[in-house]
């Protein structure tokens, strides 16, 4: 019988992380930045608009220059 919440990929990742902490070895994680993605009149598909600390996502949406905006983590 399964344990419900304690099975699958999330449980496997948690177990891997526990083992890393126990042995003192920690995997390096790639640096990421918060990116703004959305659609524009020139390109209806969602695409990269800029980095969140350089582009004002609210202003883009309010002006109608972009829509469907979302913030995602992305490698620089």
PDB file of N, CA and C in Angstrom:
ATOM      1  N   UNK A   1       0.844  -1.176   0.000  1.00  0.00           N
ATOM      2  CA  UNK A   1       0.000   0.000   0.000  1.00  0.00           C
ATOM      3  C   UNK A   1       0.888   1.237   0.000  1.00  0.00           C
ATOM      4  N   UNK A   2       0.534   2.223  -0.831  1.00  0.00           N
ATOM      5  CA  UNK A   2       1.313   3.441  -0.946  1.00  0.00           C
ATOM      6  C   UNK A   2       1.130   4.348   0.250  1.00  0.00           C
ATOM      7  N   UNK A   3       2.058   5.274   0.390  1.00  0.00           N
ATOM      8  CA  UNK A   3       2.001   6.225   1.487  1.00  0.00           C
ATOM      9  C   UNK A   3       1.312   7.519   1.068  1.00  0.00           C
ATOM     10  N   UNK A   4       0.769   7.548  -0.124  1.00  0.00           N
ATOM     11  CA  UNK A   4       0.057   8.740  -0.581  1.00  0.00           C
ATOM     12  C   UNK A   4       0.996   9.882  -0.878  1.00  0.00           C
ATOM     13  N   UNK A   5       1.127  10.801   0.055  1.00  0.00           N
ATOM     14  CA  UNK A   5       1.931  11.991  -0.170  1.00  0.00           C
ATOM     15  C   UNK A   5       3.427  11.693  -0.281  1.00  0.00           C
ATOM     16  N   UNK A   6       3.875  10.566   0.199  1.00  0.00           N
ATOM     17  CA  UNK A   6       5.307  10.267   0.250  1.00  0.00           C
ATOM     18  C   UNK A   6       5.753   9.324  -0.854  1.00  0.00           C
ATOM     19  N   UNK A   7       5.250   9.498  -2.048  1.00  0.00           N
ATOM     20  CA  UNK A   7       5.729   8.688  -3.160  1.00  0.00           C
ATOM     21  C   UNK A   7       5.813   9.531  -4.420  1.00  0.00           C
ATOM     22  N   UNK A   8       6.484   9.045  -5.399  1.00  0.00           N
ATOM     23  CA  UNK A   8       6.617   9.755  -6.662  1.00  0.00           C
ATOM     24  C   UNK A   8       7.843  10.646  -6.702  1.00  0.00           C
ATOM     25  N   UNK A   9       7.943  11.474  -7.746  1.00  0.00           N
ATOM     26  CA  UNK A   9       9.124  12.307  -7.960  1.00  0.00           C
ATOM     27  C   UNK A   9       9.426  13.262  -6.807  1.00  0.00           C
ATOM     28  N   UNK A  10       8.415  13.840  -6.193  1.00  0.00           N
ATOM     29  CA  UNK A  10       8.653  14.777  -5.090  1.00  0.00           C
ATOM     30  C   UNK A  10       9.312  14.077  -3.912  1.00  0.00           C
ATOM     31  N   UNK A  11       8.843  12.889  -3.601  1.00  0.00           N
ATOM     32  CA  UNK A  11       9.435  12.134  -2.496  1.00  0.00           C
ATOM     33  C   UNK A  11      10.857  11.707  -2.834  1.00  0.00           C
ATOM     34  N   UNK A  12      11.092  11.328  -4.076  1.00  0.00           N
ATOM     35  CA  UNK A  12      12.439  10.936  -4.490  1.00  0.00           C
ATOM     36  C   UNK A  12      13.390  12.123  -4.403  1.00  0.00           C
ATOM     37  N   UNK A  13      12.940  13.294  -4.814  1.00  0.00           N
ATOM     38  CA  UNK A  13      13.769  14.495  -4.728  1.00  0.00           C
ATOM     39  C   UNK A  13      14.058  14.840  -3.273  1.00  0.00           C
ATOM     40  N   UNK A  14      13.056  14.729  -2.415  1.00  0.00           N
ATOM     41  CA  UNK A  14      13.255  15.011  -0.996  1.00  0.00           C
ATOM     42  C   UNK A  14      14.264  14.038  -0.384  1.00  0.00           C
ATOM     43  N   UNK A  15      14.177  12.782  -0.745  1.00  0.00           N
ATOM     44  CA  UNK A  15      15.128  11.783  -0.239  1.00  0.00           C
ATOM     45  C   UNK A  15      16.539  12.084  -0.743  1.00  0.00           C
ATOM     46  N   UNK A  16      16.673  12.443  -1.991  1.00  0.00           N
ATOM     47  CA  UNK A  16      17.983  12.795  -2.538  1.00  0.00           C
ATOM     48  C   UNK A  16      18.572  13.989  -1.796  1.00  0.00           C
ATOM     49  N   UNK A  17      17.737  14.976  -1.519  1.00  0.00           N
ATOM     50  CA  UNK A  17      18.188  16.165  -0.806  1.00  0.00           C
ATOM     51  C   UNK A  17      18.616  15.827   0.621  1.00  0.00           C
ATOM     52  N   UNK A  18      17.858  14.946   1.299  1.00  0.00           N
ATOM     53  CA  UNK A  18      18.225  14.514   2.656  1.00  0.00           C
ATOM     54  C   UNK A  18      19.589  13.839   2.651  1.00  0.00           C
ATOM     55  N   UNK A  19      19.832  12.998   1.642  1.00  0.00           N
ATOM     56  CA  UNK A  19      21.118  12.312   1.538  1.00  0.00           C
ATOM     57  C   UNK A  19      22.253  13.307   1.299  1.00  0.00           C
ATOM     58  N   UNK A  20      22.021  14.318   0.460  1.00  0.00           N
ATOM     59  CA  UNK A  20      23.028  15.351   0.218  1.00  0.00           C
ATOM     60  C   UNK A  20      23.386  16.066   1.508  1.00  0.00           C
ATOM     61  N   UNK A  21      22.373  16.435   2.273  1.00  0.00           N
ATOM     62  CA  UNK A  21      22.617  17.151   3.517  1.00  0.00           C
ATOM     63  C   UNK A  21      23.353  16.276   4.528  1.00  0.00           C
ATOM     64  N   UNK A  22      23.006  14.994   4.575  1.00  0.00           N
ATOM     65  CA  UNK A  22      23.639  14.074   5.519  1.00  0.00           C
ATOM     66  C   UNK A  22      25.114  13.867   5.194  1.00  0.00           C
ATOM     67  N   UNK A  23      25.457  13.809   3.907  1.00  0.00           N
ATOM     68  CA  UNK A  23      26.842  13.567   3.514  1.00  0.00           C
ATOM     69  C   UNK A  23      27.636  14.851   3.361  1.00  0.00           C
ATOM     70  N   UNK A  24      26.967  15.976   3.385  1.00  0.00           N
ATOM     71  CA  UNK A  24      27.652  17.253   3.258  1.00  0.00           C
ATOM     72  C   UNK A  24      27.947  17.650   1.830  1.00  0.00           C
ATOM     73  N   UNK A  25      27.560  16.819   0.872  1.00  0.00           N
ATOM     74  CA  UNK A  25      27.765  17.183  -0.529  1.00  0.00           C
ATOM     75  C   UNK A  25      26.509  17.847  -1.046  1.00  0.00           C
ATOM     76  N   UNK A  26      26.707  18.992  -1.641  1.00  0.00           N
ATOM     77  CA  UNK A  26      25.549  19.723  -2.151  1.00  0.00           C
ATOM     78  C   UNK A  26      25.739  19.981  -3.633  1.00  0.00           C
ATOM     79  N   UNK A  27      24.747  19.619  -4.398  1.00  0.00           N
ATOM     80  CA  UNK A  27      24.804  19.840  -5.847  1.00  0.00           C
ATOM     81  C   UNK A  27      24.731  21.336  -6.120  1.00  0.00           C
ATOM     82  N   UNK A  28      25.497  21.791  -7.067  1.00  0.00           N
ATOM     83  CA  UNK A  28      25.437  23.197  -7.428  1.00  0.00           C
ATOM     84  C   UNK A  28      24.213  23.429  -8.302  1.00  0.00           C
ATOM     85  N   UNK A  29      23.539  24.507  -8.032  1.00  0.00           N
ATOM     86  CA  UNK A  29      22.360  24.840  -8.817  1.00  0.00           C
ATOM     87  C   UNK A  29      22.707  25.990  -9.750  1.00  0.00           C
ATOM     88  N   UNK A  30      22.123  25.968 -10.902  1.00  0.00           N
ATOM     89  CA  UNK A  30      22.380  27.010 -11.889  1.00  0.00           C
ATOM     90  C   UNK A  30      21.752  28.320 -11.426  1.00  0.00           C
ATOM     91  N   UNK A  31      22.452  29.399 -11.642  1.00  0.00           N
ATOM     92  CA  UNK A  31      21.931  30.717 -11.294  1.00  0.00           C
ATOM     93  C   UNK A  31      20.791  31.063 -12.244  1.00  0.00           C
ATOM     94  N   UNK A  32      19.759  31.657 -11.691  1.00  0.00           N
ATOM     95  CA  UNK A  32      18.630  32.069 -12.523  1.00  0.00           C
ATOM     96  C   UNK A  32      18.261  33.508 -12.200  1.00  0.00           C
ATOM     97  N   UNK A  33      17.559  34.125 -13.121  1.00  0.00           N
ATOM     98  CA  UNK A  33      17.012  35.464 -12.942  1.00  0.00           C
ATOM     99  C   UNK A  33      15.529  35.413 -13.238  1.00  0.00           C
ATOM    100  N   UNK A  34      14.807  36.384 -12.714  1.00  0.00           N
ATOM    101  CA  UNK A  34      13.377  36.482 -12.967  1.00  0.00           C
ATOM    102  C   UNK A  34      13.172  37.192 -14.299  1.00  0.00           C
ATOM    103  N   UNK A  35      12.533  36.499 -15.241  1.00  0.00           N
ATOM    104  CA  UNK A  35      12.311  37.026 -16.580  1.00  0.00           C
ATOM    105  C   UNK A  35      10.836  37.346 -16.801  1.00  0.00           C
ATOM    106  N   UNK A  36      10.583  38.302 -17.664  1.00  0.00           N
ATOM    107  CA  UNK A  36       9.222  38.674 -18.053  1.00  0.00           C
ATOM    108  C   UNK A  36       8.962  38.076 -19.431  1.00  0.00           C
ATOM    109  N   UNK A  37       7.885  37.311 -19.536  1.00  0.00           N
ATOM    110  CA  UNK A  37       7.470  36.748 -20.822  1.00  0.00           C
ATOM    111  C   UNK A  37       6.058  37.217 -21.117  1.00  0.00           C
ATOM    112  N   UNK A  38       5.741  37.354 -22.381  1.00  0.00           N
ATOM    113  CA  UNK A  38       4.403  37.755 -22.766  1.00  0.00           C
ATOM    114  C   UNK A  38       4.274  37.818 -24.278  1.00  0.00           C
ATOM    115  N   UNK A  39       3.101  38.220 -24.735  1.00  0.00           N
ATOM    116  CA  UNK A  39       2.816  38.355 -26.165  1.00  0.00           C
ATOM    117  C   UNK A  39       2.796  39.823 -26.539  1.00  0.00           C
ATOM    118  N   UNK A  40       3.159  40.110 -27.774  1.00  0.00           N
ATOM    119  CA  UNK A  40       3.160  41.476 -28.289  1.00  0.00           C
ATOM    120  C   UNK A  40       2.460  41.493 -29.646  1.00  0.00           C
ATOM    121  N   UNK A  41       2.097  42.674 -30.135  1.00  0.00           N
ATOM    122  CA  UNK A  41       1.451  42.735 -31.455  1.00  0.00           C
ATOM    123  C   UNK A  41       2.311  42.131 -32.570  1.00  0.00           C
ATOM    124  N   UNK A  42       3.626  42.247 -32.459  1.00  0.00           N
ATOM    125  CA  UNK A  42       4.530  41.711 -33.482  1.00  0.00           C
ATOM    126  C   UNK A  42       4.693  40.201 -33.393  1.00  0.00           C
ATOM    127  N   UNK A  43       4.534  39.642 -32.202  1.00  0.00           N
ATOM    128  CA  UNK A  43       4.708  38.204 -31.987  1.00  0.00           C
ATOM    129  C   UNK A  43       3.661  37.714 -31.000  1.00  0.00           C
ATOM    130  N   UNK A  44       2.619  37.056 -31.515  1.00  0.00           N
ATOM    131  CA  UNK A  44       1.496  36.613 -30.695  1.00  0.00           C
ATOM    132  C   UNK A  44       1.860  35.472 -29.739  1.00  0.00           C
ATOM    133  N   UNK A  45       2.935  34.743 -30.033  1.00  0.00           N
ATOM    134  CA  UNK A  45       3.384  33.668 -29.142  1.00  0.00           C
ATOM    135  C   UNK A  45       4.089  34.282 -27.935  1.00  0.00           C
ATOM    136  N   UNK A  46       3.923  33.653 -26.765  1.00  0.00           N
ATOM    137  CA  UNK A  46       4.604  34.146 -25.578  1.00  0.00           C
ATOM    138  C   UNK A  46       6.109  34.021 -25.786  1.00  0.00           C
ATOM    139  N   UNK A  47       6.830  35.097 -25.493  1.00  0.00           N
ATOM    140  CA  UNK A  47       8.276  35.116 -25.679  1.00  0.00           C
ATOM    141  C   UNK A  47       8.922  36.013 -24.618  1.00  0.00           C
ATOM    142  N   UNK A  48      10.229  35.981 -24.567  1.00  0.00           N
ATOM    143  CA  UNK A  48      11.012  36.753 -23.608  1.00  0.00           C
ATOM    144  C   UNK A  48      10.899  38.242 -23.922  1.00  0.00           C
ATOM    145  N   UNK A  49      10.519  39.031 -22.909  1.00  0.00           N
ATOM    146  CA  UNK A  49      10.403  40.476 -23.085  1.00  0.00           C
ATOM    147  C   UNK A  49      11.535  41.236 -22.400  1.00  0.00           C
ATOM    148  N   UNK A  50      12.111  40.627 -21.376  1.00  0.00           N
ATOM    149  CA  UNK A  50      13.203  41.277 -20.655  1.00  0.00           C
ATOM    150  C   UNK A  50      13.318  40.726 -19.251  1.00  0.00           C
ATOM    151  N   UNK A  51      14.312  41.206 -18.537  1.00  0.00           N
ATOM    152  CA  UNK A  51      14.511  40.794 -17.147  1.00  0.00           C
ATOM    153  C   UNK A  51      13.633  41.644 -16.242  1.00  0.00           C
ATOM    154  N   UNK A  52      13.065  41.038 -15.213  1.00  0.00           N
ATOM    155  CA  UNK A  52      12.102  41.707 -14.341  1.00  0.00           C
ATOM    156  C   UNK A  52      12.682  42.951 -13.671  1.00  0.00           C
ATOM    157  N   UNK A  53      13.984  42.963 -13.401  1.00  0.00           N
ATOM    158  CA  UNK A  53      14.577  44.138 -12.769  1.00  0.00           C
ATOM    159  C   UNK A  53      14.920  45.234 -13.786  1.00  0.00           C
ATOM    160  N   UNK A  54      14.704  44.970 -15.060  1.00  0.00           N
ATOM    161  CA  UNK A  54      14.992  45.951 -16.113  1.00  0.00           C
ATOM    162  C   UNK A  54      13.748  46.384 -16.879  1.00  0.00           C
ATOM    163  N   UNK A  55      12.681  45.585 -16.817  1.00  0.00           N
ATOM    164  CA  UNK A  55      11.454  45.855 -17.564  1.00  0.00           C
ATOM    165  C   UNK A  55      10.290  45.963 -16.574  1.00  0.00           C
ATOM    166  N   UNK A  56       9.435  46.961 -16.744  1.00  0.00           N
ATOM    167  CA  UNK A  56       8.268  47.115 -15.883  1.00  0.00           C
ATOM    168  C   UNK A  56       7.089  46.358 -16.503  1.00  0.00           C
ATOM    169  N   UNK A  57       6.838  45.150 -15.996  1.00  0.00           N
ATOM    170  CA  UNK A  57       5.781  44.294 -16.546  1.00  0.00           C
ATOM    171  C   UNK A  57       4.406  44.953 -16.435  1.00  0.00           C
ATOM    172  N   UNK A  58       4.148  45.638 -15.326  1.00  0.00           N
ATOM    173  CA  UNK A  58       2.850  46.297 -15.148  1.00  0.00           C
ATOM    174  C   UNK A  58       2.647  47.406 -16.173  1.00  0.00           C
ATOM    175  N   UNK A  59       3.702  48.158 -16.449  1.00  0.00           N
ATOM    176  CA  UNK A  59       3.601  49.245 -17.435  1.00  0.00           C
ATOM    177  C   UNK A  59       3.388  48.689 -18.843  1.00  0.00           C
ATOM    178  N   UNK A  60       4.067  47.590 -19.163  1.00  0.00           N
ATOM    179  CA  UNK A  60       3.866  46.962 -20.478  1.00  0.00           C
ATOM    180  C   UNK A  60       2.405  46.553 -20.664  1.00  0.00           C
ATOM    181  N   UNK A  61       1.841  45.926 -19.629  1.00  0.00           N
ATOM    182  CA  UNK A  61       0.457  45.473 -19.714  1.00  0.00           C
ATOM    183  C   UNK A  61      -0.504  46.659 -19.767  1.00  0.00           C
ATOM    184  N   UNK A  62      -0.299  47.636 -18.897  1.00  0.00           N
ATOM    185  CA  UNK A  62      -1.200  48.795 -18.831  1.00  0.00           C
ATOM    186  C   UNK A  62      -1.216  49.574 -20.139  1.00  0.00           C
ATOM    187  N   UNK A  63      -0.078  49.637 -20.814  1.00  0.00           N
ATOM    188  CA  UNK A  63      -0.011  50.384 -22.071  1.00  0.00           C
ATOM    189  C   UNK A  63      -0.582  49.603 -23.252  1.00  0.00           C
ATOM    190  N   UNK A  64      -0.788  48.302 -23.063  1.00  0.00           N
ATOM    191  CA  UNK A  64      -1.279  47.468 -24.151  1.00  0.00           C
ATOM    192  C   UNK A  64      -0.166  46.972 -25.060  1.00  0.00           C
ATOM    193  N   UNK A  65       1.085  47.270 -24.697  1.00  0.00           N
ATOM    194  CA  UNK A  65       2.223  46.842 -25.510  1.00  0.00           C
ATOM    195  C   UNK A  65       2.461  45.337 -25.396  1.00  0.00           C
ATOM    196  N   UNK A  66       1.980  44.731 -24.302  1.00  0.00           N
ATOM    197  CA  UNK A  66       2.137  43.285 -24.113  1.00  0.00           C
ATOM    198  C   UNK A  66       0.996  42.760 -23.256  1.00  0.00           C
ATOM    199  N   UNK A  67       0.673  41.491 -23.422  1.00  0.00           N
ATOM    200  CA  UNK A  67      -0.378  40.848 -22.647  1.00  0.00           C
ATOM    201  C   UNK A  67       0.024  39.401 -22.388  1.00  0.00           C
ATOM    202  N   UNK A  68      -0.752  38.746 -21.523  1.00  0.00           N
ATOM    203  CA  UNK A  68      -0.426  37.362 -21.168  1.00  0.00           C
ATOM    204  C   UNK A  68       0.919  37.281 -20.459  1.00  0.00           C
ATOM    205  N   UNK A  69       1.213  38.317 -19.709  1.00  0.00           N
ATOM    206  CA  UNK A  69       2.522  38.416 -19.067  1.00  0.00           C
ATOM    207  C   UNK A  69       2.624  37.452 -17.890  1.00  0.00           C
ATOM    208  N   UNK A  70       3.800  36.837 -17.795  1.00  0.00           N
ATOM    209  CA  UNK A  70       4.106  36.001 -16.641  1.00  0.00           C
ATOM    210  C   UNK A  70       5.575  36.166 -16.296  1.00  0.00           C
ATOM    211  N   UNK A  71       5.897  35.950 -15.036  1.00  0.00           N
ATOM    212  CA  UNK A  71       7.272  36.007 -14.561  1.00  0.00           C
ATOM    213  C   UNK A  71       7.754  34.579 -14.361  1.00  0.00           C
ATOM    214  N   UNK A  72       8.916  34.284 -14.922  1.00  0.00           N
ATOM    215  CA  UNK A  72       9.476  32.933 -14.823  1.00  0.00           C
ATOM    216  C   UNK A  72      10.955  33.010 -14.471  1.00  0.00           C
ATOM    217  N   UNK A  73      11.472  31.957 -13.845  1.00  0.00           N
ATOM    218  CA  UNK A  73      12.905  31.867 -13.557  1.00  0.00           C
ATOM    219  C   UNK A  73      13.589  31.333 -14.809  1.00  0.00           C
ATOM    220  N   UNK A  74      14.709  31.945 -15.183  1.00  0.00           N
ATOM    221  CA  UNK A  74      15.405  31.581 -16.404  1.00  0.00           C
ATOM    222  C   UNK A  74      16.894  31.823 -16.218  1.00  0.00           C
ATOM    223  N   UNK A  75      17.698  31.022 -16.876  1.00  0.00           N
ATOM    224  CA  UNK A  75      19.153  31.227 -16.843  1.00  0.00           C
ATOM    225  C   UNK A  75      19.498  32.478 -17.633  1.00  0.00           C
ATOM    226  N   UNK A  76      20.408  33.298 -17.101  1.00  0.00           N
ATOM    227  CA  UNK A  76      20.786  34.513 -17.827  1.00  0.00           C
ATOM    228  C   UNK A  76      21.574  34.221 -19.088  1.00  0.00           C
TER     229      UNK A  76
END
